[in-house]
């Protein structure tokens, strides 16, 4: 393909190094995209509160689709500009069904600003060091709209847990996962990375044929299937590797940058 009109890339495990940083080579490749007049979109499961370091690394340019499609975030102003939230009554029913069938699950929620979690929800990554997360009871947890509901199991295989969650509440929310933990991320029904990206592309009169996308985990699959050209990084989940026609080098080997250097 020629140079695409839009580049969409996942962050963690894909464009970012394993330590969460943007390599100089990748930052330079992102600059090539924008200098060529194409649109660069970060499409991530991260909440906006995890985007500050990324915004700085790319000089506060462009938009990010956060929380697996639920939030659109302006990297220049570091403000949410669009949201698709799960309503409280849906949250209550989802938690009720899951807890009835899989009682060992614990829950947390990602709001438009901040997060909350049950006392037995084991925080990981940055959140284990954060002080902004509220420890609350289930009734409080589900009492206001949220961008993402997360369910954590202490032992189950993530793929098996996702299949179970889809069967139990797939009519109410859109479940996926993006880590090695048995942690299922749920967005409002029909909200995915692809749905948000398609809306953004349509507003710029860009078709899927003009889009190249990069990803590594199951939450990237809708986006990769929608984009005209899709790449997995070499370290991707087996299901992702099986779903795409193109594979680039691993995230720690600047796989995304290598492709962008050829395209731009």
Protein backbone atom coordinates (compact mmCIF):
# COMPACT_ATOMS: atom_id res chain seq x y z
CA UNK A 1 0.00 0.00 0.00
CA UNK A 2 1.01 3.67 -0.35
CA UNK A 3 1.29 5.95 2.64
CA UNK A 4 -1.89 5.55 4.71
CA UNK A 5 -4.07 8.50 5.64
CA UNK A 6 -4.44 7.30 9.22
CA UNK A 7 -2.14 5.31 11.50
CA UNK A 8 -3.76 3.69 14.54
CA UNK A 9 -1.59 1.97 17.10
CA UNK A 10 -2.03 0.32 20.44
CA UNK A 11 0.45 1.42 23.10
CA UNK A 12 1.39 -1.13 25.76
CA UNK A 13 3.06 -4.19 24.28
CA UNK A 14 2.88 -2.67 20.79
CA UNK A 15 4.31 0.83 20.27
CA UNK A 16 5.75 1.23 23.76
CA UNK A 17 8.73 -0.61 25.15
CA UNK A 18 8.08 -3.11 27.90
CA UNK A 19 9.08 -0.46 30.45
CA UNK A 20 6.27 1.77 29.16
CA UNK A 21 8.48 4.32 27.40
CA UNK A 22 8.44 5.62 23.83
CA UNK A 23 11.81 4.89 22.20
CA UNK A 24 13.52 7.74 20.30
CA UNK A 25 13.16 5.76 17.08
CA UNK A 26 9.42 5.31 17.60
CA UNK A 27 8.93 8.97 18.52
CA UNK A 28 10.73 9.94 15.32
CA UNK A 29 8.54 7.57 13.29
CA UNK A 30 5.41 9.13 14.80
CA UNK A 31 6.71 12.56 13.77
CA UNK A 32 7.14 11.26 10.20
CA UNK A 33 3.45 10.34 10.11
CA UNK A 34 2.30 13.78 11.17
CA UNK A 35 4.86 15.60 8.99
CA UNK A 36 3.42 13.71 6.01
CA UNK A 37 -0.04 15.07 6.83
CA UNK A 38 -1.49 11.75 7.99
CA UNK A 39 -3.50 11.32 11.18
CA UNK A 40 -1.89 9.52 14.11
CA UNK A 41 -4.21 7.96 16.69
CA UNK A 42 -3.22 6.06 19.81
CA UNK A 43 -5.87 3.42 20.49
CA UNK A 44 -5.40 1.97 23.93
CA UNK A 45 -6.99 0.23 26.86
CA UNK A 46 -5.28 2.79 29.10
CA UNK A 47 -7.42 5.33 30.93
CA UNK A 48 -6.66 9.01 30.28
CA UNK A 49 -4.93 9.30 33.66
CA UNK A 50 -2.20 6.99 32.31
CA UNK A 51 -1.63 9.13 29.21
CA UNK A 52 0.38 12.08 30.53
CA UNK A 53 3.82 10.57 29.85
CA UNK A 54 2.76 9.49 26.36
CA UNK A 55 1.35 12.94 25.62
CA UNK A 56 4.66 14.49 26.58
CA UNK A 57 6.68 12.04 24.49
CA UNK A 58 4.70 12.98 21.35
CA UNK A 59 4.74 16.71 22.13
CA UNK A 60 1.03 16.78 22.97
CA UNK A 61 -0.11 16.16 19.41
CA UNK A 62 -3.14 14.26 18.18
CA UNK A 63 -5.95 12.28 19.71
CA UNK A 64 -6.04 9.11 21.77
CA UNK A 65 -8.86 6.60 21.96
CA UNK A 66 -8.74 5.38 25.55
CA UNK A 67 -10.42 2.69 27.66
CA UNK A 68 -10.88 0.40 24.63
CA UNK A 69 -12.99 2.92 22.73
CA UNK A 70 -15.06 4.42 25.54
CA UNK A 71 -13.18 7.74 25.74
CA UNK A 72 -11.65 10.05 23.15
CA UNK A 73 -8.86 12.14 24.63
CA UNK A 74 -7.23 15.26 23.24
CA UNK A 75 -3.48 14.97 23.84
CA UNK A 76 -2.97 18.71 23.33
CA UNK A 77 -5.34 19.81 26.11
CA UNK A 78 -5.26 16.47 28.00
CA UNK A 79 -9.04 16.58 28.17
CA UNK A 80 -11.75 14.00 27.39
CA UNK A 81 -13.70 15.18 24.34
CA UNK A 82 -16.12 12.27 23.88
CA UNK A 83 -17.36 9.39 26.02
CA UNK A 84 -19.50 6.25 25.74
CA UNK A 85 -20.24 5.07 29.27
CA UNK A 86 -21.84 2.06 30.95
CA UNK A 87 -24.95 3.15 32.83
CA UNK A 88 -25.43 2.24 36.52
CA UNK A 89 -28.36 -0.12 35.95
CA UNK A 90 -26.28 -2.09 33.44
CA UNK A 91 -23.31 -2.18 35.82
CA UNK A 92 -25.48 -3.54 38.60
CA UNK A 93 -26.89 -6.32 36.43
CA UNK A 94 -23.48 -7.28 35.03
CA UNK A 95 -21.93 -7.53 38.48
CA UNK A 96 -24.93 -9.48 39.77
CA UNK A 97 -24.78 -12.08 36.97
CA UNK A 98 -21.02 -12.51 37.16
CA UNK A 99 -20.88 -12.75 40.93
CA UNK A 100 -23.65 -15.34 40.92
CA UNK A 101 -21.79 -17.64 38.51
CA UNK A 102 -18.15 -16.77 39.27
CA UNK A 103 -18.15 -15.76 42.95
CA UNK A 104 -14.37 -15.37 43.19
CA UNK A 105 -14.39 -12.32 40.92
CA UNK A 106 -13.57 -8.90 42.33
CA UNK A 107 -14.38 -5.64 40.55
CA UNK A 108 -13.09 -2.18 39.82
CA UNK A 109 -14.35 0.63 37.59
CA UNK A 110 -12.72 3.32 35.51
CA UNK A 111 -14.64 6.59 35.61
CA UNK A 112 -14.08 9.56 33.33
CA UNK A 113 -11.88 10.92 36.10
CA UNK A 114 -10.26 8.44 38.48
CA UNK A 115 -11.15 4.90 39.47
CA UNK A 116 -12.61 2.86 42.32
CA UNK A 117 -12.22 -0.74 43.41
CA UNK A 118 -13.50 -3.30 45.86
CA UNK A 119 -11.28 -4.01 48.84
CA UNK A 120 -10.22 -7.44 47.56
CA UNK A 121 -9.41 -6.26 44.02
CA UNK A 122 -5.66 -6.71 43.60
CA UNK A 123 -4.31 -3.62 41.88
CA UNK A 124 -1.58 -4.05 39.29
CA UNK A 125 0.94 -1.83 37.55
CA UNK A 126 0.67 1.87 38.12
CA UNK A 127 -2.54 1.59 40.12
CA UNK A 128 -0.79 -0.36 42.86
CA UNK A 129 1.17 2.83 43.55
CA UNK A 130 -1.66 5.29 43.02
CA UNK A 131 -3.44 7.08 45.83
CA UNK A 132 -6.42 8.36 43.83
CA UNK A 133 -8.34 5.08 43.64
CA UNK A 134 -11.25 4.80 46.03
CA UNK A 135 -11.83 1.57 47.93
CA UNK A 136 -15.61 1.17 47.99
CA UNK A 137 -18.40 -1.36 48.36
CA UNK A 138 -20.14 -2.88 45.37
CA UNK A 139 -23.23 -0.66 45.62
CA UNK A 140 -21.09 2.47 45.50
CA UNK A 141 -18.94 1.03 42.72
CA UNK A 142 -21.92 0.64 40.40
CA UNK A 143 -23.77 3.82 41.40
CA UNK A 144 -22.47 6.10 38.62
CA UNK A 145 -21.67 5.73 34.90
CA UNK A 146 -18.22 4.44 34.07
CA UNK A 147 -16.01 3.99 31.02
CA UNK A 148 -14.85 0.50 31.92
CA UNK A 149 -15.77 -2.24 34.37
CA UNK A 150 -12.96 -4.64 35.27
CA UNK A 151 -13.35 -8.13 36.72
CA UNK A 152 -10.39 -9.97 38.21
CA UNK A 153 -10.12 -13.68 39.02
CA UNK A 154 -7.26 -14.94 41.21
CA UNK A 155 -6.41 -17.98 39.11
CA UNK A 156 -8.30 -18.52 35.84
CA UNK A 157 -6.70 -18.45 32.40
CA UNK A 158 -7.56 -15.06 30.82
CA UNK A 159 -8.89 -16.56 27.57
CA UNK A 160 -11.11 -19.04 29.43
CA UNK A 161 -12.39 -16.29 31.73
CA UNK A 162 -13.16 -14.02 28.79
CA UNK A 163 -15.20 -16.75 27.11
CA UNK A 164 -17.15 -17.27 30.32
CA UNK A 165 -17.79 -13.55 30.79
CA UNK A 166 -18.91 -13.16 27.17
CA UNK A 167 -21.41 -15.96 27.66
CA UNK A 168 -22.79 -14.46 30.85
CA UNK A 169 -22.98 -10.73 30.07
CA UNK A 170 -22.09 -10.31 26.39
CA UNK A 171 -25.62 -9.06 25.74
CA UNK A 172 -25.06 -6.13 28.11
CA UNK A 173 -21.40 -5.11 27.68
CA UNK A 174 -18.42 -5.79 25.41
CA UNK A 175 -15.79 -7.85 27.27
CA UNK A 176 -12.14 -8.22 26.26
CA UNK A 177 -8.72 -8.57 27.85
CA UNK A 178 -5.29 -7.10 27.31
CA UNK A 179 -2.92 -8.44 29.96
CA UNK A 180 -1.48 -11.69 31.22
CA UNK A 181 -3.69 -11.54 34.29
CA UNK A 182 -7.20 -12.97 34.48
CA UNK A 183 -8.51 -9.44 34.16
CA UNK A 184 -11.52 -8.81 31.93
CA UNK A 185 -12.23 -5.29 30.72
CA UNK A 186 -15.84 -4.45 29.87
CA UNK A 187 -17.04 -1.45 27.84
CA UNK A 188 -20.57 -0.36 26.99
CA UNK A 189 -22.29 -2.75 24.59
CA UNK A 190 -20.88 -2.36 21.08
CA UNK A 191 -18.01 -0.11 22.17
CA UNK A 192 -14.61 -1.30 20.95
CA UNK A 193 -11.40 0.20 19.68
CA UNK A 194 -12.82 -0.31 16.19
CA UNK A 195 -16.12 1.48 16.83
CA UNK A 196 -14.39 4.61 18.12
CA UNK A 197 -11.73 4.54 15.42
CA UNK A 198 -14.32 4.10 12.66
CA UNK A 199 -16.26 7.11 13.93
CA UNK A 200 -13.12 9.24 14.03
CA UNK A 201 -12.05 8.11 10.55
CA UNK A 202 -15.49 8.75 9.07
CA UNK A 203 -15.43 12.31 10.40
CA UNK A 204 -12.26 12.83 8.35
CA UNK A 205 -13.67 10.98 5.33
CA UNK A 206 -11.10 8.20 5.70
CA UNK A 207 -12.13 4.67 4.75
CA UNK A 208 -10.68 1.49 6.27
CA UNK A 209 -8.55 1.11 3.13
CA UNK A 210 -6.63 4.21 4.14
CA UNK A 211 -5.87 2.94 7.64
CA UNK A 212 -2.94 0.91 8.95
CA UNK A 213 -3.27 -0.45 12.49
CA UNK A 214 -0.93 -2.13 14.97
CA UNK A 215 -1.75 -4.28 18.00
CA UNK A 216 -0.78 -7.16 20.25
CA UNK A 217 -3.70 -8.34 22.41
CA UNK A 218 -7.33 -9.50 22.05
CA UNK A 219 -8.68 -6.03 22.78
CA UNK A 220 -6.95 -4.94 19.53
CA UNK A 221 -8.71 -7.53 17.36
CA UNK A 222 -11.78 -5.43 16.39
CA UNK A 223 -9.49 -2.59 15.29
CA UNK A 224 -7.14 -4.90 13.39
CA UNK A 225 -10.05 -6.57 11.59
CA UNK A 226 -11.55 -3.20 10.65
CA UNK A 227 -8.39 -1.55 9.33
CA UNK A 228 -7.44 -2.00 5.69
CA UNK A 229 -3.93 -3.07 6.70
CA UNK A 230 -3.20 -4.67 10.06
CA UNK A 231 0.07 -5.57 11.75
CA UNK A 232 0.75 -7.62 14.85
CA UNK A 233 4.01 -7.21 16.70
CA UNK A 234 6.05 -10.41 17.07
CA UNK A 235 5.29 -10.61 20.80
CA UNK A 236 1.51 -10.55 20.22
CA UNK A 237 -1.09 -12.93 21.65
CA UNK A 238 -1.48 -16.08 19.48
CA UNK A 239 -5.04 -15.12 18.55
CA UNK A 240 -3.81 -11.78 17.24
CA UNK A 241 -0.96 -13.34 15.27
CA UNK A 242 -3.46 -15.70 13.67
CA UNK A 243 -5.84 -12.88 12.72
CA UNK A 244 -3.49 -10.63 10.72
CA UNK A 245 -1.62 -10.89 7.43
CA UNK A 246 1.39 -8.85 8.56
CA UNK A 247 3.78 -9.28 11.48
CA UNK A 248 6.50 -6.84 12.43
CA UNK A 249 9.27 -6.96 15.03
CA UNK A 250 8.49 -7.02 18.75
CA UNK A 251 7.67 -3.91 20.73
CA UNK A 252 11.14 -3.80 22.30
CA UNK A 253 12.66 -3.98 18.79
CA UNK A 254 10.75 -0.94 17.45
CA UNK A 255 8.45 -3.05 15.30
CA UNK A 256 5.90 -0.26 14.75
CA UNK A 257 8.62 2.25 13.89
CA UNK A 258 10.15 -0.12 11.32
CA UNK A 259 6.89 -0.29 9.37
CA UNK A 260 6.23 3.44 9.60
CA UNK A 261 9.72 4.22 8.32
CA UNK A 262 8.90 2.20 5.20
CA UNK A 263 5.44 3.71 4.76
CA UNK A 264 6.54 7.31 5.32
